PDB file of N, CA and C in Angstrom:
ATOM      1  N   MET A   1      -1.041   8.428   4.851  1.00  0.00           N
ATOM      2  CA  MET A   1       0.268   7.830   4.921  1.00  0.00           C
ATOM      3  C   MET A   1       0.729   7.476   3.516  1.00  0.00           C
ATOM      4  N   LYS A   2       2.015   7.425   3.363  1.00  0.00           N
ATOM      5  CA  LYS A   2       2.614   7.096   2.071  1.00  0.00           C
ATOM      6  C   LYS A   2       3.006   5.622   2.035  1.00  0.00           C
ATOM      7  N   THR A   3       3.072   5.091   0.817  1.00  0.00           N
ATOM      8  CA  THR A   3       3.624   3.749   0.653  1.00  0.00           C
ATOM      9  C   THR A   3       5.140   3.865   0.621  1.00  0.00           C
ATOM     10  N   GLN A   4       5.804   2.738   0.727  1.00  0.00           N
ATOM     11  CA  GLN A   4       7.263   2.740   0.692  1.00  0.00           C
ATOM     12  C   GLN A   4       7.773   3.269  -0.652  1.00  0.00           C
ATOM     13  N   THR A   5       7.131   2.887  -1.741  1.00  0.00           N
ATOM     14  CA  THR A   5       7.535   3.342  -3.065  1.00  0.00           C
ATOM     15  C   THR A   5       7.360   4.849  -3.198  1.00  0.00           C
ATOM     16  N   GLU A   6       6.241   5.395  -2.728  1.00  0.00           N
ATOM     17  CA  GLU A   6       6.022   6.844  -2.780  1.00  0.00           C
ATOM     18  C   GLU A   6       7.077   7.586  -1.970  1.00  0.00           C
ATOM     19  N   ALA A   7       7.403   7.062  -0.795  1.00  0.00           N
ATOM     20  CA  ALA A   7       8.390   7.715   0.062  1.00  0.00           C
ATOM     21  C   ALA A   7       9.760   7.754  -0.616  1.00  0.00           C
ATOM     22  N   ILE A   8      10.166   6.653  -1.213  1.00  0.00           N
ATOM     23  CA  ILE A   8      11.456   6.607  -1.906  1.00  0.00           C
ATOM     24  C   ILE A   8      11.473   7.592  -3.069  1.00  0.00           C
ATOM     25  N   ARG A   9      10.377   7.640  -3.814  1.00  0.00           N
ATOM     26  CA  ARG A   9      10.268   8.563  -4.945  1.00  0.00           C
ATOM     27  C   ARG A   9      10.383  10.023  -4.499  1.00  0.00           C
ATOM     28  N   GLU A  10       9.928  10.311  -3.277  1.00  0.00           N
ATOM     29  CA  GLU A  10       9.959  11.675  -2.757  1.00  0.00           C
ATOM     30  C   GLU A  10      11.232  11.981  -1.965  1.00  0.00           C
ATOM     31  N   GLY A  11      12.207  11.081  -2.014  1.00  0.00           N
ATOM     32  CA  GLY A  11      13.498  11.356  -1.405  1.00  0.00           C
ATOM     33  C   GLY A  11      13.677  10.903   0.022  1.00  0.00           C
ATOM     34  N   TYR A  12      12.790  10.078   0.534  1.00  0.00           N
ATOM     35  CA  TYR A  12      12.921   9.547   1.885  1.00  0.00           C
ATOM     36  C   TYR A  12      13.796   8.295   1.868  1.00  0.00           C
ATOM     37  N   GLU A  13      14.541   8.100   2.926  1.00  0.00           N
ATOM     38  CA  GLU A  13      15.239   6.841   3.160  1.00  0.00           C
ATOM     39  C   GLU A  13      14.254   5.966   3.919  1.00  0.00           C
ATOM     40  N   VAL A  14      14.082   4.738   3.476  1.00  0.00           N
ATOM     41  CA  VAL A  14      13.100   3.838   4.083  1.00  0.00           C
ATOM     42  C   VAL A  14      13.812   2.811   4.945  1.00  0.00           C
ATOM     43  N   ASP A  15      13.341   2.664   6.186  1.00  0.00           N
ATOM     44  CA  ASP A  15      13.918   1.709   7.127  1.00  0.00           C
ATOM     45  C   ASP A  15      12.889   0.632   7.438  1.00  0.00           C
ATOM     46  N   LEU A  16      13.188  -0.591   7.003  1.00  0.00           N
ATOM     47  CA  LEU A  16      12.293  -1.720   7.240  1.00  0.00           C
ATOM     48  C   LEU A  16      12.862  -2.682   8.274  1.00  0.00           C
ATOM     49  N   SER A  17      13.990  -2.323   8.872  1.00  0.00           N
ATOM     50  CA  SER A  17      14.708  -3.274   9.717  1.00  0.00           C
ATOM     51  C   SER A  17      14.125  -3.443  11.117  1.00  0.00           C
ATOM     52  N   GLY A  18      13.509  -2.434  11.644  1.00  0.00           N
ATOM     53  CA  GLY A  18      13.031  -2.518  13.023  1.00  0.00           C
ATOM     54  C   GLY A  18      11.684  -3.189  13.137  1.00  0.00           C
ATOM     55  N   PRO A  19      11.289  -3.502  14.363  1.00  0.00           N
ATOM     56  CA  PRO A  19       9.959  -4.070  14.579  1.00  0.00           C
ATOM     57  C   PRO A  19       8.905  -2.977  14.419  1.00  0.00           C
ATOM     58  N   GLY A  20       7.709  -3.371  14.116  1.00  0.00           N
ATOM     59  CA  GLY A  20       6.619  -2.402  14.017  1.00  0.00           C
ATOM     60  C   GLY A  20       6.540  -1.738  12.656  1.00  0.00           C
ATOM     61  N   ARG A  21       5.989  -0.537  12.655  1.00  0.00           N
ATOM     62  CA  ARG A  21       5.706   0.199  11.428  1.00  0.00           C
ATOM     63  C   ARG A  21       6.979   0.662  10.741  1.00  0.00           C
ATOM     64  N   PRO A  22       7.064   0.501   9.400  1.00  0.00           N
ATOM     65  CA  PRO A  22       8.211   1.028   8.673  1.00  0.00           C
ATOM     66  C   PRO A  22       8.222   2.559   8.730  1.00  0.00           C
ATOM     67  N   LEU A  23       9.405   3.134   8.674  1.00  0.00           N
ATOM     68  CA  LEU A  23       9.553   4.588   8.744  1.00  0.00           C
ATOM     69  C   LEU A  23      10.323   5.091   7.546  1.00  0.00           C
ATOM     70  N   GLY A  24      10.019   6.331   7.177  1.00  0.00           N
ATOM     71  CA  GLY A  24      10.782   7.037   6.161  1.00  0.00           C
ATOM     72  C   GLY A  24      11.409   8.256   6.804  1.00  0.00           C
ATOM     73  N   ALA A  25      12.656   8.532   6.448  1.00  0.00           N
ATOM     74  CA  ALA A  25      13.354   9.693   7.016  1.00  0.00           C
ATOM     75  C   ALA A  25      13.987  10.485   5.884  1.00  0.00           C
ATOM     76  N   ARG A  26      13.973  11.809   6.039  1.00  0.00           N
ATOM     77  CA  ARG A  26      14.577  12.694   5.041  1.00  0.00           C
ATOM     78  C   ARG A  26      15.320  13.791   5.790  1.00  0.00           C
ATOM     79  N   GLY A  27      16.533  14.085   5.361  1.00  0.00           N
ATOM     80  CA  GLY A  27      17.330  15.120   5.993  1.00  0.00           C
ATOM     81  C   GLY A  27      18.454  14.529   6.804  1.00  0.00           C
ATOM     82  N   ARG A  28      19.148  15.386   7.544  1.00  0.00           N
ATOM     83  CA  ARG A  28      20.276  14.959   8.376  1.00  0.00           C
ATOM     84  C   ARG A  28      20.029  15.372   9.819  1.00  0.00           C
ATOM     85  N   TYR A  29      20.528  14.556  10.739  1.00  0.00           N
ATOM     86  CA  TYR A  29      20.392  14.843  12.155  1.00  0.00           C
ATOM     87  C   TYR A  29      21.066  16.168  12.471  1.00  0.00           C
ATOM     88  N   PRO A  30      20.497  17.067  13.228  1.00  0.00           N
ATOM     89  CA  PRO A  30      19.257  16.942  13.989  1.00  0.00           C
ATOM     90  C   PRO A  30      18.037  17.450  13.231  1.00  0.00           C
ATOM     91  N   ASP A  31      18.217  17.893  12.010  1.00  0.00           N
ATOM     92  CA  ASP A  31      17.098  18.460  11.231  1.00  0.00           C
ATOM     93  C   ASP A  31      16.607  17.445  10.204  1.00  0.00           C
ATOM     94  N   TYR A  32      15.841  16.495  10.660  1.00  0.00           N
ATOM     95  CA  TYR A  32      15.296  15.525   9.724  1.00  0.00           C
ATOM     96  C   TYR A  32      13.813  15.320  10.001  1.00  0.00           C
ATOM     97  N   GLU A  33      13.165  14.798   9.017  1.00  0.00           N
ATOM     98  CA  GLU A  33      11.723  14.554   9.089  1.00  0.00           C
ATOM     99  C   GLU A  33      11.504  13.044   9.025  1.00  0.00           C
ATOM    100  N   MET A  34      10.707  12.519   9.932  1.00  0.00           N
ATOM    101  CA  MET A  34      10.365  11.096   9.920  1.00  0.00           C
ATOM    102  C   MET A  34       8.856  10.951   9.729  1.00  0.00           C
ATOM    103  N   ILE A  35       8.494  10.000   8.883  1.00  0.00           N
ATOM    104  CA  ILE A  35       7.077   9.739   8.636  1.00  0.00           C
ATOM    105  C   ILE A  35       6.812   8.235   8.742  1.00  0.00           C
ATOM    106  N   PRO A  36       5.638   7.853   9.251  1.00  0.00           N
ATOM    107  CA  PRO A  36       5.260   6.438   9.234  1.00  0.00           C
ATOM    108  C   PRO A  36       4.839   6.054   7.818  1.00  0.00           C
ATOM    109  N   LEU A  37       5.091   4.825   7.451  1.00  0.00           N
ATOM    110  CA  LEU A  37       4.751   4.341   6.111  1.00  0.00           C
ATOM    111  C   LEU A  37       3.799   3.167   6.198  1.00  0.00           C
ATOM    112  N   LEU A  38       3.032   2.989   5.147  1.00  0.00           N
ATOM    113  CA  LEU A  38       2.185   1.809   5.043  1.00  0.00           C
ATOM    114  C   LEU A  38       3.059   0.591   4.767  1.00  0.00           C
ATOM    115  N   THR A  39       2.701  -0.535   5.344  1.00  0.00           N
ATOM    116  CA  THR A  39       3.375  -1.779   4.973  1.00  0.00           C
ATOM    117  C   THR A  39       2.866  -2.183   3.590  1.00  0.00           C
ATOM    118  N   ASP A  40       3.564  -3.115   2.953  1.00  0.00           N
ATOM    119  CA  ASP A  40       3.114  -3.597   1.645  1.00  0.00           C
ATOM    120  C   ASP A  40       1.724  -4.205   1.739  1.00  0.00           C
ATOM    121  N   MET A  41       1.470  -4.924   2.821  1.00  0.00           N
ATOM    122  CA  MET A  41       0.167  -5.564   3.014  1.00  0.00           C
ATOM    123  C   MET A  41      -0.943  -4.519   3.146  1.00  0.00           C
ATOM    124  N   GLU A  42      -0.684  -3.465   3.899  1.00  0.00           N
ATOM    125  CA  GLU A  42      -1.680  -2.400   4.061  1.00  0.00           C
ATOM    126  C   GLU A  42      -1.949  -1.710   2.731  1.00  0.00           C
ATOM    127  N   ALA A  43      -0.899  -1.463   1.965  1.00  0.00           N
ATOM    128  CA  ALA A  43      -1.064  -0.814   0.666  1.00  0.00           C
ATOM    129  C   ALA A  43      -1.898  -1.687  -0.275  1.00  0.00           C
ATOM    130  N   GLU A  44      -1.624  -2.996  -0.281  1.00  0.00           N
ATOM    131  CA  GLU A  44      -2.409  -3.921  -1.112  1.00  0.00           C
ATOM    132  C   GLU A  44      -3.861  -3.974  -0.668  1.00  0.00           C
ATOM    133  N   LEU A  45      -4.084  -3.976   0.635  1.00  0.00           N
ATOM    134  CA  LEU A  45      -5.453  -4.015   1.160  1.00  0.00           C
ATOM    135  C   LEU A  45      -6.218  -2.760   0.749  1.00  0.00           C
ATOM    136  N   LEU A  46      -5.599  -1.601   0.873  1.00  0.00           N
ATOM    137  CA  LEU A  46      -6.255  -0.352   0.469  1.00  0.00           C
ATOM    138  C   LEU A  46      -6.548  -0.343  -1.023  1.00  0.00           C
ATOM    139  N   ASN A  47      -5.625  -0.837  -1.817  1.00  0.00           N
ATOM    140  CA  ASN A  47      -5.834  -0.900  -3.263  1.00  0.00           C
ATOM    141  C   ASN A  47      -7.011  -1.818  -3.595  1.00  0.00           C
ATOM    142  N   THR A  48      -7.052  -2.977  -2.952  1.00  0.00           N
ATOM    143  CA  THR A  48      -8.143  -3.925  -3.201  1.00  0.00           C
ATOM    144  C   THR A  48      -9.486  -3.347  -2.765  1.00  0.00           C
ATOM    145  N   LEU A  49      -9.516  -2.703  -1.614  1.00  0.00           N
ATOM    146  CA  LEU A  49     -10.764  -2.092  -1.146  1.00  0.00           C
ATOM    147  C   LEU A  49     -11.232  -0.985  -2.089  1.00  0.00           C
ATOM    148  N   SER A  50     -10.298  -0.220  -2.630  1.00  0.00           N
ATOM    149  CA  SER A  50     -10.703   0.841  -3.564  1.00  0.00           C
ATOM    150  C   SER A  50     -11.270   0.243  -4.852  1.00  0.00           C
ATOM    151  N   LEU A  51     -10.709  -0.887  -5.299  1.00  0.00           N
ATOM    152  CA  LEU A  51     -11.266  -1.559  -6.481  1.00  0.00           C
ATOM    153  C   LEU A  51     -12.675  -2.074  -6.216  1.00  0.00           C
ATOM    154  N   VAL A  52     -12.885  -2.683  -5.051  1.00  0.00           N
ATOM    155  CA  VAL A  52     -14.208  -3.200  -4.690  1.00  0.00           C
ATOM    156  C   VAL A  52     -15.205  -2.051  -4.588  1.00  0.00           C
ATOM    157  N   ARG A  53     -14.802  -0.963  -3.944  1.00  0.00           N
ATOM    158  CA  ARG A  53     -15.689   0.202  -3.803  1.00  0.00           C
ATOM    159  C   ARG A  53     -16.084   0.766  -5.168  1.00  0.00           C
ATOM    160  N   LYS A  54     -15.086   0.916  -6.041  1.00  0.00           N
ATOM    161  CA  LYS A  54     -15.348   1.453  -7.376  1.00  0.00           C
ATOM    162  C   LYS A  54     -16.315   0.545  -8.128  1.00  0.00           C
ATOM    163  N   MET A  55     -16.093  -0.749  -8.029  1.00  0.00           N
ATOM    164  CA  MET A  55     -16.949  -1.705  -8.726  1.00  0.00           C
ATOM    165  C   MET A  55     -18.384  -1.627  -8.206  1.00  0.00           C
ATOM    166  N   LEU A  56     -18.552  -1.531  -6.884  1.00  0.00           N
ATOM    167  CA  LEU A  56     -19.888  -1.465  -6.307  1.00  0.00           C
ATOM    168  C   LEU A  56     -20.575  -0.131  -6.602  1.00  0.00           C
ATOM    169  N   ALA A  57     -19.809   0.950  -6.631  1.00  0.00           N
ATOM    170  CA  ALA A  57     -20.383   2.277  -6.851  1.00  0.00           C
ATOM    171  C   ALA A  57     -20.831   2.482  -8.292  1.00  0.00           C
ATOM    172  N   GLU A  58     -20.208   1.776  -9.222  1.00  0.00           N
ATOM    173  CA  GLU A  58     -20.523   1.976 -10.640  1.00  0.00           C
ATOM    174  C   GLU A  58     -21.667   1.101 -11.130  1.00  0.00           C
ATOM    175  N   GLY A  59     -22.279   0.347 -10.244  1.00  0.00           N
ATOM    176  CA  GLY A  59     -23.383  -0.503 -10.662  1.00  0.00           C
ATOM    177  C   GLY A  59     -22.889  -1.885 -11.037  1.00  0.00           C
ATOM    178  N   PRO A  60     -23.700  -2.614 -11.816  1.00  0.00           N
ATOM    179  CA  PRO A  60     -23.311  -3.981 -12.179  1.00  0.00           C
ATOM    180  C   PRO A  60     -21.945  -3.991 -12.883  1.00  0.00           C
ATOM    181  N   PRO A  61     -20.991  -4.751 -12.347  1.00  0.00           N
ATOM    182  CA  PRO A  61     -19.642  -4.736 -12.914  1.00  0.00           C
ATOM    183  C   PRO A  61     -19.539  -5.553 -14.195  1.00  0.00           C
ATOM    184  N   SER A  62     -18.628  -5.144 -15.044  1.00  0.00           N
ATOM    185  CA  SER A  62     -18.351  -5.918 -16.251  1.00  0.00           C
ATOM    186  C   SER A  62     -17.578  -7.174 -15.852  1.00  0.00           C
ATOM    187  N   GLN A  63     -17.475  -8.097 -16.764  1.00  0.00           N
ATOM    188  CA  GLN A  63     -16.722  -9.330 -16.501  1.00  0.00           C
ATOM    189  C   GLN A  63     -15.261  -9.001 -16.208  1.00  0.00           C
ATOM    190  N   ASP A  64     -14.682  -8.030 -16.940  1.00  0.00           N
ATOM    191  CA  ASP A  64     -13.288  -7.625 -16.711  1.00  0.00           C
ATOM    192  C   ASP A  64     -13.102  -7.029 -15.319  1.00  0.00           C
ATOM    193  N   ALA A  65     -14.065  -6.197 -14.888  1.00  0.00           N
ATOM    194  CA  ALA A  65     -13.976  -5.593 -13.553  1.00  0.00           C
ATOM    195  C   ALA A  65     -14.053  -6.664 -12.476  1.00  0.00           C
ATOM    196  N   GLN A  66     -14.957  -7.609 -12.648  1.00  0.00           N
ATOM    197  CA  GLN A  66     -15.070  -8.703 -11.681  1.00  0.00           C
ATOM    198  C   GLN A  66     -13.771  -9.491 -11.612  1.00  0.00           C
ATOM    199  N   GLN A  67     -13.205  -9.809 -12.761  1.00  0.00           N
ATOM    200  CA  GLN A  67     -11.968 -10.580 -12.802  1.00  0.00           C
ATOM    201  C   GLN A  67     -10.817  -9.806 -12.162  1.00  0.00           C
ATOM    202  N   GLY A  68     -10.760  -8.487 -12.388  1.00  0.00           N
ATOM    203  CA  GLY A  68      -9.719  -7.661 -11.785  1.00  0.00           C
ATOM    204  C   GLY A  68      -9.793  -7.657 -10.270  1.00  0.00           C
ATOM    205  N   VAL A  69     -11.003  -7.568  -9.738  1.00  0.00           N
ATOM    206  CA  VAL A  69     -11.183  -7.581  -8.287  1.00  0.00           C
ATOM    207  C   VAL A  69     -10.833  -8.954  -7.713  1.00  0.00           C
ATOM    208  N   VAL A  70     -11.243 -10.012  -8.378  1.00  0.00           N
ATOM    209  CA  VAL A  70     -10.914 -11.364  -7.908  1.00  0.00           C
ATOM    210  C   VAL A  70      -9.395 -11.553  -7.900  1.00  0.00           C
ATOM    211  N   LEU A  71      -8.712 -11.105  -8.949  1.00  0.00           N
ATOM    212  CA  LEU A  71      -7.253 -11.228  -8.994  1.00  0.00           C
ATOM    213  C   LEU A  71      -6.586 -10.402  -7.899  1.00  0.00           C
ATOM    214  N   ALA A  72      -7.112  -9.205  -7.624  1.00  0.00           N
ATOM    215  CA  ALA A  72      -6.550  -8.366  -6.565  1.00  0.00           C
ATOM    216  C   ALA A  72      -6.723  -9.025  -5.207  1.00  0.00           C
ATOM    217  N   ILE A  73      -7.887  -9.600  -4.968  1.00  0.00           N
ATOM    218  CA  ILE A  73      -8.133 -10.288  -3.698  1.00  0.00           C
ATOM    219  C   ILE A  73      -7.245 -11.518  -3.572  1.00  0.00           C
ATOM    220  N   ASP A  74      -7.113 -12.277  -4.660  1.00  0.00           N
ATOM    221  CA  ASP A  74      -6.234 -13.450  -4.649  1.00  0.00           C
ATOM    222  C   ASP A  74      -4.793 -13.043  -4.339  1.00  0.00           C
ATOM    223  N   GLY A  75      -4.339 -11.942  -4.939  1.00  0.00           N
ATOM    224  CA  GLY A  75      -2.983 -11.454  -4.679  1.00  0.00           C
ATOM    225  C   GLY A  75      -2.803 -11.057  -3.224  1.00  0.00           C
ATOM    226  N   LEU A  76      -3.796 -10.386  -2.680  1.00  0.00           N
ATOM    227  CA  LEU A  76      -3.746  -9.974  -1.273  1.00  0.00           C
ATOM    228  C   LEU A  76      -3.700 -11.191  -0.352  1.00  0.00           C
ATOM    229  N   LEU A  77      -4.520 -12.178  -0.646  1.00  0.00           N
ATOM    230  CA  LEU A  77      -4.538 -13.385   0.174  1.00  0.00           C
ATOM    231  C   LEU A  77      -3.221 -14.151   0.075  1.00  0.00           C
ATOM    232  N   SER A  78      -2.626 -14.177  -1.107  1.00  0.00           N
ATOM    233  CA  SER A  78      -1.355 -14.894  -1.244  1.00  0.00           C
ATOM    234  C   SER A  78      -0.245 -14.208  -0.459  1.00  0.00           C
ATOM    235  N   VAL A  79      -0.273 -12.879  -0.397  1.00  0.00           N
ATOM    236  CA  VAL A  79       0.720 -12.142   0.401  1.00  0.00           C
ATOM    237  C   VAL A  79       0.481 -12.405   1.877  1.00  0.00           C
ATOM    238  N   ALA A  80      -0.773 -12.439   2.286  1.00  0.00           N
ATOM    239  CA  ALA A  80      -1.106 -12.664   3.697  1.00  0.00           C
ATOM    240  C   ALA A  80      -0.699 -14.057   4.156  1.00  0.00           C
ATOM    241  N   ARG A  81      -0.772 -15.006   3.274  1.00  0.00           N
ATOM    242  CA  ARG A  81      -0.473 -16.401   3.652  1.00  0.00           C
ATOM    243  C   ARG A  81       1.005 -16.739   3.521  1.00  0.00           C
ATOM    244  N   ALA A  82       1.769 -15.877   2.879  1.00  0.00           N
ATOM    245  CA  ALA A  82       3.205 -16.170   2.652  1.00  0.00           C
ATOM    246  C   ALA A  82       4.009 -16.033   3.922  1.00  0.00           C
TER     247      ALA A  82
END
């Protein structure tokens, strides 16, 4: 799935107004393409998980890597609590 920013960059119109999953649409009725999009929270969660995975896969993390992961998790938690 694409993030909202990726969809906009690729020429999709993004609709966040309805309930449920955001959608991206490209083209004109009746010939249009619709795709489901990641929410901002899902995109942040995937980004944070990829940072944690990279840190764990590379062995003992540097202080900068640890701080980056802590900041990413803090950012994710602040979005979740807002």
